[in-house]
């Protein structure tokens, strides 16, 4: 049990996780910016997905270079995108519930979704996309 707590502590109280959180803030800004830009040429839901995709691509290259110090490859990109599927599901569910049921503003829905999905996504990316245990 001590080893489990040590592993959790070493994973989430690490420079890599802090960098991931900071990149998450950048990614959230990128997502909002590109979704807003795309809404001028696409329907709003399509614009949100397109903005998310662009922000995710930027996040991959930043994560490769800054956090995991790894050469970006197509295989890692695919794994990175797949690693974000749970995050996207969490994001969708949390925002849907907080906006439609709790009637919270979009900003707080996004914050709560990031808090719920961030740690899970970090572990998946670390192990699956970049192979760092």
N, C-alpha and C. Protein backbone atom coordinates (compact mmCIF):
# COMPACT_ATOMS: atom_id res chain seq x y z
N UNK A 1 0.83 -1.19 0.00
CA UNK A 1 0.00 0.00 0.00
C UNK A 1 0.88 1.26 0.00
N UNK A 2 1.99 1.19 0.73
CA UNK A 2 2.92 2.33 0.76
C UNK A 2 3.47 2.61 -0.63
N UNK A 3 3.74 1.54 -1.38
CA UNK A 3 4.28 1.71 -2.73
C UNK A 3 3.27 2.39 -3.64
N UNK A 4 2.00 2.05 -3.47
CA UNK A 4 0.95 2.66 -4.27
C UNK A 4 0.87 4.17 -3.99
N UNK A 5 0.88 4.54 -2.71
CA UNK A 5 0.84 5.96 -2.36
C UNK A 5 2.09 6.69 -2.83
N UNK A 6 3.23 6.03 -2.76
CA UNK A 6 4.47 6.64 -3.25
C UNK A 6 4.39 6.85 -4.76
N UNK A 7 3.85 5.89 -5.47
CA UNK A 7 3.69 6.01 -6.93
C UNK A 7 2.75 7.16 -7.28
N UNK A 8 1.64 7.25 -6.57
CA UNK A 8 0.68 8.35 -6.79
C UNK A 8 1.33 9.69 -6.50
N UNK A 9 2.04 9.77 -5.38
CA UNK A 9 2.73 11.00 -5.00
C UNK A 9 3.77 11.38 -6.06
N UNK A 10 4.56 10.42 -6.50
CA UNK A 10 5.60 10.70 -7.49
C UNK A 10 5.02 11.07 -8.86
N UNK A 11 3.83 10.59 -9.14
CA UNK A 11 3.19 10.91 -10.42
C UNK A 11 2.58 12.31 -10.40
N UNK A 12 1.85 12.64 -9.35
CA UNK A 12 1.10 13.89 -9.34
C UNK A 12 1.79 15.05 -8.62
N UNK A 13 2.86 14.77 -7.90
CA UNK A 13 3.66 15.85 -7.31
C UNK A 13 5.01 15.89 -8.02
N UNK A 14 4.93 15.97 -9.35
CA UNK A 14 6.14 15.94 -10.16
C UNK A 14 6.17 17.14 -11.09
N UNK A 15 7.35 17.44 -11.57
CA UNK A 15 7.49 18.53 -12.53
C UNK A 15 6.70 18.23 -13.81
N UNK A 16 6.69 16.97 -14.21
CA UNK A 16 5.95 16.59 -15.42
C UNK A 16 4.46 16.87 -15.30
N UNK A 17 3.88 16.56 -14.15
CA UNK A 17 2.44 16.81 -13.97
C UNK A 17 2.16 18.30 -13.90
N UNK A 18 3.02 19.05 -13.24
CA UNK A 18 2.84 20.51 -13.17
C UNK A 18 2.95 21.12 -14.57
N UNK A 19 3.93 20.65 -15.34
CA UNK A 19 4.06 21.12 -16.73
C UNK A 19 2.81 20.74 -17.54
N UNK A 20 2.30 19.53 -17.32
CA UNK A 20 1.09 19.08 -18.00
C UNK A 20 -0.08 20.01 -17.67
N UNK A 21 -0.20 20.40 -16.41
CA UNK A 21 -1.28 21.31 -16.00
C UNK A 21 -1.11 22.68 -16.65
N UNK A 22 0.12 23.17 -16.70
CA UNK A 22 0.36 24.46 -17.36
C UNK A 22 0.05 24.37 -18.85
N UNK A 23 0.47 23.28 -19.48
CA UNK A 23 0.13 23.09 -20.89
C UNK A 23 -1.38 22.93 -21.06
N UNK A 24 -2.03 22.37 -20.08
CA UNK A 24 -3.48 22.25 -20.11
C UNK A 24 -4.15 23.62 -20.16
N UNK A 25 -3.58 24.57 -19.41
CA UNK A 25 -4.12 25.94 -19.44
C UNK A 25 -3.93 26.54 -20.84
N UNK A 26 -2.76 26.32 -21.42
CA UNK A 26 -2.50 26.80 -22.78
C UNK A 26 -3.46 26.11 -23.75
N UNK A 27 -3.63 24.81 -23.59
CA UNK A 27 -4.51 24.04 -24.45
C UNK A 27 -5.96 24.53 -24.34
N UNK A 28 -6.39 24.85 -23.14
CA UNK A 28 -7.74 25.35 -22.94
C UNK A 28 -7.91 26.69 -23.66
N UNK A 29 -6.91 27.56 -23.54
CA UNK A 29 -6.95 28.83 -24.26
C UNK A 29 -6.99 28.59 -25.77
N UNK A 30 -6.12 27.71 -26.26
CA UNK A 30 -6.10 27.39 -27.69
C UNK A 30 -7.46 26.85 -28.16
N UNK A 31 -8.03 25.97 -27.37
CA UNK A 31 -9.33 25.39 -27.70
C UNK A 31 -10.38 26.50 -27.81
N UNK A 32 -10.42 27.38 -26.82
CA UNK A 32 -11.40 28.47 -26.84
C UNK A 32 -11.16 29.40 -28.04
N UNK A 33 -9.90 29.73 -28.28
CA UNK A 33 -9.56 30.63 -29.38
C UNK A 33 -9.93 30.03 -30.73
N UNK A 34 -9.49 28.81 -30.98
CA UNK A 34 -9.76 28.20 -32.29
C UNK A 34 -11.23 27.86 -32.47
N UNK A 35 -11.91 27.47 -31.41
CA UNK A 35 -13.36 27.23 -31.51
C UNK A 35 -14.07 28.53 -31.88
N UNK A 36 -13.66 29.61 -31.27
CA UNK A 36 -14.25 30.92 -31.57
C UNK A 36 -13.96 31.32 -33.02
N UNK A 37 -12.72 31.14 -33.46
CA UNK A 37 -12.38 31.48 -34.84
C UNK A 37 -13.17 30.64 -35.84
N UNK A 38 -13.28 29.33 -35.57
CA UNK A 38 -14.00 28.44 -36.47
C UNK A 38 -15.50 28.73 -36.51
N UNK A 39 -16.03 29.35 -35.44
CA UNK A 39 -17.48 29.58 -35.43
C UNK A 39 -17.91 30.60 -36.49
N UNK A 40 -16.95 31.33 -37.04
CA UNK A 40 -17.27 32.26 -38.11
C UNK A 40 -17.53 31.55 -39.44
N UNK A 41 -17.03 30.33 -39.57
CA UNK A 41 -17.20 29.60 -40.84
C UNK A 41 -17.91 28.27 -40.67
N UNK A 42 -18.10 27.81 -39.42
CA UNK A 42 -18.74 26.53 -39.16
C UNK A 42 -19.89 26.70 -38.17
N UNK A 43 -20.77 25.74 -38.14
CA UNK A 43 -21.81 25.68 -37.12
C UNK A 43 -21.12 25.55 -35.76
N UNK A 44 -21.73 26.04 -34.69
CA UNK A 44 -21.06 26.12 -33.39
C UNK A 44 -20.54 24.79 -32.86
N UNK A 45 -21.31 23.72 -32.97
CA UNK A 45 -20.83 22.42 -32.49
C UNK A 45 -19.66 21.92 -33.33
N UNK A 46 -19.74 22.10 -34.63
CA UNK A 46 -18.63 21.71 -35.51
C UNK A 46 -17.40 22.57 -35.21
N UNK A 47 -17.63 23.85 -34.93
CA UNK A 47 -16.53 24.75 -34.59
C UNK A 47 -15.85 24.31 -33.30
N UNK A 48 -16.63 23.84 -32.34
CA UNK A 48 -16.06 23.37 -31.07
C UNK A 48 -15.18 22.14 -31.30
N UNK A 49 -15.64 21.22 -32.12
CA UNK A 49 -14.86 20.01 -32.41
C UNK A 49 -13.59 20.37 -33.19
N UNK A 50 -13.71 21.26 -34.17
CA UNK A 50 -12.54 21.67 -34.96
C UNK A 50 -11.53 22.39 -34.08
N UNK A 51 -12.01 23.26 -33.20
CA UNK A 51 -11.11 23.96 -32.27
C UNK A 51 -10.42 22.99 -31.34
N UNK A 52 -11.15 22.01 -30.86
CA UNK A 52 -10.59 20.98 -29.98
C UNK A 52 -9.49 20.21 -30.71
N UNK A 53 -9.74 19.88 -31.98
CA UNK A 53 -8.76 19.11 -32.76
C UNK A 53 -7.47 19.91 -32.98
N UNK A 54 -7.60 21.18 -33.31
CA UNK A 54 -6.40 22.01 -33.51
C UNK A 54 -5.64 22.16 -32.19
N UNK A 55 -6.36 22.43 -31.11
CA UNK A 55 -5.72 22.58 -29.81
C UNK A 55 -5.04 21.28 -29.38
N UNK A 56 -5.65 20.15 -29.68
CA UNK A 56 -5.08 18.85 -29.33
C UNK A 56 -3.78 18.61 -30.10
N UNK A 57 -3.74 19.02 -31.35
CA UNK A 57 -2.53 18.87 -32.16
C UNK A 57 -1.40 19.73 -31.61
N UNK A 58 -1.72 20.96 -31.25
CA UNK A 58 -0.72 21.84 -30.63
C UNK A 58 -0.24 21.23 -29.31
N UNK A 59 -1.18 20.71 -28.52
CA UNK A 59 -0.83 20.10 -27.23
C UNK A 59 0.10 18.91 -27.42
N UNK A 60 -0.11 18.13 -28.49
CA UNK A 60 0.77 16.98 -28.75
C UNK A 60 2.21 17.44 -28.95
N UNK A 61 2.40 18.43 -29.81
CA UNK A 61 3.77 18.88 -30.09
C UNK A 61 4.41 19.51 -28.86
N UNK A 62 3.65 20.28 -28.09
CA UNK A 62 4.20 20.86 -26.86
C UNK A 62 4.51 19.77 -25.84
N UNK A 63 3.63 18.80 -25.69
CA UNK A 63 3.86 17.70 -24.74
C UNK A 63 5.09 16.89 -25.14
N UNK A 64 5.22 16.64 -26.43
CA UNK A 64 6.37 15.87 -26.92
C UNK A 64 7.68 16.55 -26.55
N UNK A 65 7.75 17.82 -26.83
CA UNK A 65 9.01 18.56 -26.65
C UNK A 65 9.24 18.97 -25.19
N UNK A 66 8.22 19.53 -24.55
CA UNK A 66 8.40 20.15 -23.23
C UNK A 66 8.32 19.13 -22.09
N UNK A 67 7.29 18.31 -22.08
CA UNK A 67 7.08 17.41 -20.93
C UNK A 67 7.85 16.10 -21.06
N UNK A 68 7.69 15.43 -22.19
CA UNK A 68 8.24 14.09 -22.33
C UNK A 68 9.57 14.04 -23.08
N UNK A 69 10.03 15.20 -23.56
CA UNK A 69 11.34 15.30 -24.25
C UNK A 69 11.49 14.16 -25.26
N UNK A 70 10.50 14.04 -26.11
CA UNK A 70 10.41 12.92 -27.04
C UNK A 70 10.19 13.45 -28.45
N UNK A 71 10.77 12.76 -29.41
CA UNK A 71 10.58 13.15 -30.80
C UNK A 71 9.13 12.85 -31.21
N UNK A 72 8.42 13.85 -31.75
CA UNK A 72 7.05 13.59 -32.18
C UNK A 72 7.03 12.68 -33.41
N UNK A 73 6.21 11.66 -33.35
CA UNK A 73 6.04 10.75 -34.49
C UNK A 73 4.54 10.59 -34.73
N UNK A 74 4.21 10.09 -35.91
CA UNK A 74 2.80 9.87 -36.22
C UNK A 74 2.18 8.86 -35.27
N UNK A 75 2.92 7.79 -34.95
CA UNK A 75 2.41 6.76 -34.04
C UNK A 75 2.11 7.37 -32.66
N UNK A 76 3.02 8.20 -32.16
CA UNK A 76 2.78 8.84 -30.86
C UNK A 76 1.60 9.80 -30.94
N UNK A 77 1.46 10.49 -32.08
CA UNK A 77 0.33 11.40 -32.25
C UNK A 77 -1.00 10.64 -32.18
N UNK A 78 -1.07 9.51 -32.88
CA UNK A 78 -2.29 8.70 -32.85
C UNK A 78 -2.57 8.23 -31.43
N UNK A 79 -1.55 7.76 -30.74
CA UNK A 79 -1.72 7.31 -29.36
C UNK A 79 -2.13 8.47 -28.44
N UNK A 80 -1.56 9.65 -28.69
CA UNK A 80 -1.91 10.84 -27.92
C UNK A 80 -3.39 11.17 -28.11
N UNK A 81 -3.84 11.16 -29.34
CA UNK A 81 -5.25 11.44 -29.63
C UNK A 81 -6.15 10.40 -28.98
N UNK A 82 -5.78 9.13 -29.09
CA UNK A 82 -6.56 8.06 -28.46
C UNK A 82 -6.58 8.25 -26.93
N UNK A 83 -5.46 8.71 -26.39
CA UNK A 83 -5.38 8.95 -24.94
C UNK A 83 -6.35 10.03 -24.48
N UNK A 84 -6.73 10.89 -25.37
CA UNK A 84 -7.64 11.98 -25.04
C UNK A 84 -9.12 11.60 -25.16
N UNK A 85 -9.41 10.39 -25.63
CA UNK A 85 -10.81 9.98 -25.74
C UNK A 85 -11.49 9.98 -24.36
N UNK A 86 -10.89 9.40 -23.31
CA UNK A 86 -11.53 9.50 -22.00
C UNK A 86 -11.71 10.96 -21.54
N UNK A 87 -10.72 11.80 -21.84
CA UNK A 87 -10.82 13.21 -21.48
C UNK A 87 -11.98 13.87 -22.20
N UNK A 88 -12.13 13.58 -23.49
CA UNK A 88 -13.22 14.17 -24.25
C UNK A 88 -14.57 13.71 -23.70
N UNK A 89 -14.68 12.44 -23.32
CA UNK A 89 -15.92 11.93 -22.74
C UNK A 89 -16.21 12.62 -21.41
N UNK A 90 -15.19 12.72 -20.57
CA UNK A 90 -15.35 13.42 -19.28
C UNK A 90 -15.74 14.87 -19.52
N UNK A 91 -15.04 15.53 -20.45
CA UNK A 91 -15.33 16.93 -20.78
C UNK A 91 -16.78 17.08 -21.23
N UNK A 92 -17.21 16.22 -22.14
CA UNK A 92 -18.57 16.30 -22.65
C UNK A 92 -19.59 16.09 -21.53
N UNK A 93 -19.40 15.03 -20.73
CA UNK A 93 -20.36 14.72 -19.67
C UNK A 93 -20.41 15.82 -18.61
N UNK A 94 -19.24 16.27 -18.16
CA UNK A 94 -19.22 17.30 -17.12
C UNK A 94 -19.82 18.60 -17.63
N UNK A 95 -19.45 19.01 -18.83
CA UNK A 95 -20.02 20.27 -19.35
C UNK A 95 -21.52 20.12 -19.60
N UNK A 96 -21.95 18.98 -20.12
CA UNK A 96 -23.38 18.77 -20.35
C UNK A 96 -24.16 18.87 -19.04
N UNK A 97 -23.66 18.18 -18.02
CA UNK A 97 -24.36 18.18 -16.72
C UNK A 97 -24.33 19.56 -16.08
N UNK A 98 -23.16 20.19 -16.06
CA UNK A 98 -23.06 21.48 -15.37
C UNK A 98 -23.81 22.59 -16.10
N UNK A 99 -23.84 22.55 -17.41
CA UNK A 99 -24.55 23.60 -18.15
C UNK A 99 -26.05 23.33 -18.18
N UNK A 100 -26.43 22.10 -18.51
CA UNK A 100 -27.85 21.81 -18.72
C UNK A 100 -28.62 21.46 -17.46
N UNK A 101 -27.97 20.88 -16.47
CA UNK A 101 -28.66 20.49 -15.25
C UNK A 101 -28.44 21.49 -14.12
N UNK A 102 -27.18 21.89 -13.94
CA UNK A 102 -26.85 22.81 -12.85
C UNK A 102 -26.92 24.28 -13.28
N UNK A 103 -27.02 24.51 -14.57
CA UNK A 103 -27.12 25.86 -15.15
C UNK A 103 -25.94 26.75 -14.78
N UNK A 104 -24.75 26.15 -14.75
CA UNK A 104 -23.53 26.91 -14.51
C UNK A 104 -23.04 27.49 -15.84
N UNK A 105 -22.29 28.59 -15.78
CA UNK A 105 -21.72 29.15 -17.01
C UNK A 105 -20.69 28.21 -17.64
N UNK A 106 -20.47 28.37 -18.94
CA UNK A 106 -19.52 27.56 -19.69
C UNK A 106 -18.14 27.57 -19.04
N UNK A 107 -17.70 28.72 -18.55
CA UNK A 107 -16.37 28.83 -17.93
C UNK A 107 -16.22 27.82 -16.81
N UNK A 108 -17.20 27.76 -15.89
CA UNK A 108 -17.09 26.86 -14.74
C UNK A 108 -17.23 25.40 -15.17
N UNK A 109 -18.02 25.18 -16.20
CA UNK A 109 -18.14 23.82 -16.74
C UNK A 109 -16.79 23.34 -17.25
N UNK A 110 -16.07 24.21 -17.95
CA UNK A 110 -14.75 23.86 -18.48
C UNK A 110 -13.75 23.63 -17.35
N UNK A 111 -13.77 24.49 -16.34
CA UNK A 111 -12.86 24.33 -15.20
C UNK A 111 -13.10 22.99 -14.50
N UNK A 112 -14.36 22.68 -14.23
CA UNK A 112 -14.68 21.42 -13.56
C UNK A 112 -14.30 20.21 -14.42
N UNK A 113 -14.52 20.31 -15.72
CA UNK A 113 -14.16 19.22 -16.63
C UNK A 113 -12.65 19.00 -16.64
N UNK A 114 -11.88 20.08 -16.64
CA UNK A 114 -10.42 19.97 -16.62
C UNK A 114 -9.94 19.34 -15.32
N UNK A 115 -10.55 19.73 -14.22
CA UNK A 115 -10.16 19.17 -12.92
C UNK A 115 -10.48 17.68 -12.85
N UNK A 116 -11.57 17.28 -13.46
CA UNK A 116 -11.97 15.87 -13.43
C UNK A 116 -11.14 15.02 -14.40
N UNK A 117 -10.87 15.55 -15.58
CA UNK A 117 -10.21 14.76 -16.61
C UNK A 117 -8.70 14.85 -16.64
N UNK A 118 -8.15 15.92 -16.12
CA UNK A 118 -6.70 16.16 -16.21
C UNK A 118 -5.83 15.05 -15.65
N UNK A 119 -6.00 14.68 -14.40
CA UNK A 119 -5.13 13.63 -13.83
C UNK A 119 -5.24 12.29 -14.55
N UNK A 120 -6.44 11.93 -14.94
CA UNK A 120 -6.64 10.66 -15.65
C UNK A 120 -5.92 10.71 -17.00
N UNK A 121 -6.08 11.81 -17.69
CA UNK A 121 -5.46 11.97 -19.01
C UNK A 121 -3.94 11.96 -18.91
N UNK A 122 -3.39 12.60 -17.89
CA UNK A 122 -1.94 12.63 -17.72
C UNK A 122 -1.36 11.22 -17.60
N UNK A 123 -2.00 10.40 -16.79
CA UNK A 123 -1.51 9.03 -16.58
C UNK A 123 -1.60 8.23 -17.89
N UNK A 124 -2.72 8.37 -18.58
CA UNK A 124 -2.88 7.62 -19.84
C UNK A 124 -1.84 8.06 -20.86
N UNK A 125 -1.65 9.37 -21.00
CA UNK A 125 -0.67 9.89 -21.97
C UNK A 125 0.74 9.43 -21.59
N UNK A 126 1.06 9.55 -20.33
CA UNK A 126 2.40 9.19 -19.86
C UNK A 126 2.72 7.73 -20.18
N UNK A 127 1.77 6.85 -19.94
CA UNK A 127 2.02 5.42 -20.13
C UNK A 127 1.79 5.00 -21.58
N UNK A 128 0.65 5.37 -22.15
CA UNK A 128 0.27 4.85 -23.47
C UNK A 128 0.92 5.61 -24.62
N UNK A 129 0.85 6.94 -24.59
CA UNK A 129 1.34 7.71 -25.75
C UNK A 129 2.86 7.83 -25.77
N UNK A 130 3.46 8.02 -24.58
CA UNK A 130 4.90 8.26 -24.55
C UNK A 130 5.69 7.15 -23.85
N UNK A 131 5.00 6.14 -23.33
CA UNK A 131 5.67 4.96 -22.78
C UNK A 131 6.55 5.22 -21.57
N UNK A 132 6.22 6.24 -20.77
CA UNK A 132 7.00 6.54 -19.55
C UNK A 132 6.23 6.04 -18.34
N UNK A 133 6.82 5.10 -17.62
CA UNK A 133 6.14 4.55 -16.45
C UNK A 133 6.68 5.12 -15.17
